Amino acid sequence: MAIKVGINGFGRIGRNVFRAAQGKNAIDIVAVND
């Protein structure tokens, strides 16, 4: 079962978290609040 993650802010750190999570099957990005 994947962990559902929401990113609050798509700045430098938000983009890096998104890129890191793309390669992982255990993490689902469900929301991005910009």
N, C-alpha and C. Protein backbone atom coordinates (compact mmCIF):
# COMPACT_ATOMS: atom_id res chain seq x y z
N MET A 1 0.85 -1.18 0.00
CA MET A 1 0.00 0.00 0.00
C MET A 1 0.89 1.24 0.00
N ALA A 2 0.61 2.15 -0.90
CA ALA A 2 1.43 3.35 -1.05
C ALA A 2 1.03 4.42 -0.04
N ILE A 3 2.00 5.23 0.32
CA ILE A 3 1.75 6.38 1.18
C ILE A 3 1.26 7.52 0.30
N LYS A 4 0.15 8.14 0.69
CA LYS A 4 -0.39 9.27 -0.06
C LYS A 4 0.19 10.56 0.49
N VAL A 5 0.72 11.39 -0.40
CA VAL A 5 1.41 12.61 0.00
C VAL A 5 0.82 13.79 -0.75
N GLY A 6 0.61 14.89 -0.03
CA GLY A 6 0.21 16.16 -0.63
C GLY A 6 1.36 17.15 -0.45
N ILE A 7 1.67 17.89 -1.50
CA ILE A 7 2.77 18.86 -1.44
C ILE A 7 2.16 20.25 -1.33
N ASN A 8 2.56 20.96 -0.27
CA ASN A 8 2.08 22.32 -0.05
C ASN A 8 3.17 23.28 -0.53
N GLY A 9 3.01 23.76 -1.75
CA GLY A 9 3.99 24.65 -2.34
C GLY A 9 4.83 23.90 -3.36
N PHE A 10 5.01 24.51 -4.52
CA PHE A 10 5.75 23.84 -5.59
C PHE A 10 6.99 24.66 -5.93
N GLY A 11 7.64 25.15 -4.89
CA GLY A 11 8.90 25.87 -5.05
C GLY A 11 10.05 24.89 -5.19
N ARG A 12 11.21 25.32 -4.75
CA ARG A 12 12.42 24.50 -4.90
C ARG A 12 12.28 23.17 -4.18
N ILE A 13 11.84 23.19 -2.94
CA ILE A 13 11.74 21.95 -2.16
C ILE A 13 10.58 21.09 -2.67
N GLY A 14 9.45 21.68 -2.98
CA GLY A 14 8.31 20.93 -3.49
C GLY A 14 8.63 20.19 -4.78
N ARG A 15 9.34 20.87 -5.68
CA ARG A 15 9.73 20.22 -6.94
C ARG A 15 10.68 19.06 -6.70
N ASN A 16 11.63 19.25 -5.77
CA ASN A 16 12.57 18.18 -5.47
C ASN A 16 11.88 16.97 -4.85
N VAL A 17 10.92 17.21 -3.97
CA VAL A 17 10.16 16.11 -3.37
C VAL A 17 9.37 15.39 -4.45
N PHE A 18 8.75 16.14 -5.35
CA PHE A 18 7.97 15.54 -6.44
C PHE A 18 8.86 14.67 -7.32
N ARG A 19 10.02 15.16 -7.69
CA ARG A 19 10.94 14.38 -8.53
C ARG A 19 11.41 13.11 -7.82
N ALA A 20 11.70 13.23 -6.54
CA ALA A 20 12.15 12.06 -5.78
C ALA A 20 11.04 11.03 -5.66
N ALA A 21 9.79 11.49 -5.51
CA ALA A 21 8.67 10.57 -5.33
C ALA A 21 8.26 9.89 -6.63
N GLN A 22 8.58 10.48 -7.77
CA GLN A 22 8.19 9.89 -9.06
C GLN A 22 8.80 8.51 -9.26
N GLY A 23 10.00 8.31 -8.79
CA GLY A 23 10.67 7.04 -8.99
C GLY A 23 10.32 5.98 -7.95
N LYS A 24 9.50 6.32 -6.98
CA LYS A 24 9.17 5.39 -5.90
C LYS A 24 7.75 4.84 -6.09
N ASN A 25 7.61 3.53 -5.98
CA ASN A 25 6.29 2.92 -6.06
C ASN A 25 5.53 3.02 -4.75
N ALA A 26 6.22 3.32 -3.67
CA ALA A 26 5.59 3.34 -2.35
C ALA A 26 4.98 4.70 -2.01
N ILE A 27 5.10 5.70 -2.92
CA ILE A 27 4.59 7.04 -2.64
C ILE A 27 3.68 7.49 -3.78
N ASP A 28 2.49 7.97 -3.43
CA ASP A 28 1.56 8.55 -4.40
C ASP A 28 1.38 10.02 -4.09
N ILE A 29 1.65 10.88 -5.07
CA ILE A 29 1.38 12.31 -4.92
C ILE A 29 -0.09 12.51 -5.27
N VAL A 30 -0.89 12.94 -4.31
CA VAL A 30 -2.32 13.07 -4.53
C VAL A 30 -2.77 14.51 -4.70
N ALA A 31 -1.96 15.47 -4.23
CA ALA A 31 -2.35 16.88 -4.34
C ALA A 31 -1.11 17.76 -4.32
N VAL A 32 -1.18 18.85 -5.10
CA VAL A 32 -0.14 19.87 -5.06
C VAL A 32 -0.84 21.21 -4.91
N ASN A 33 -0.52 21.92 -3.84
CA ASN A 33 -1.09 23.23 -3.58
C ASN A 33 -0.01 24.26 -3.87
N ASP A 34 -0.23 25.08 -4.89
CA ASP A 34 0.79 26.06 -5.26
C ASP A 34 0.43 27.41 -4.71
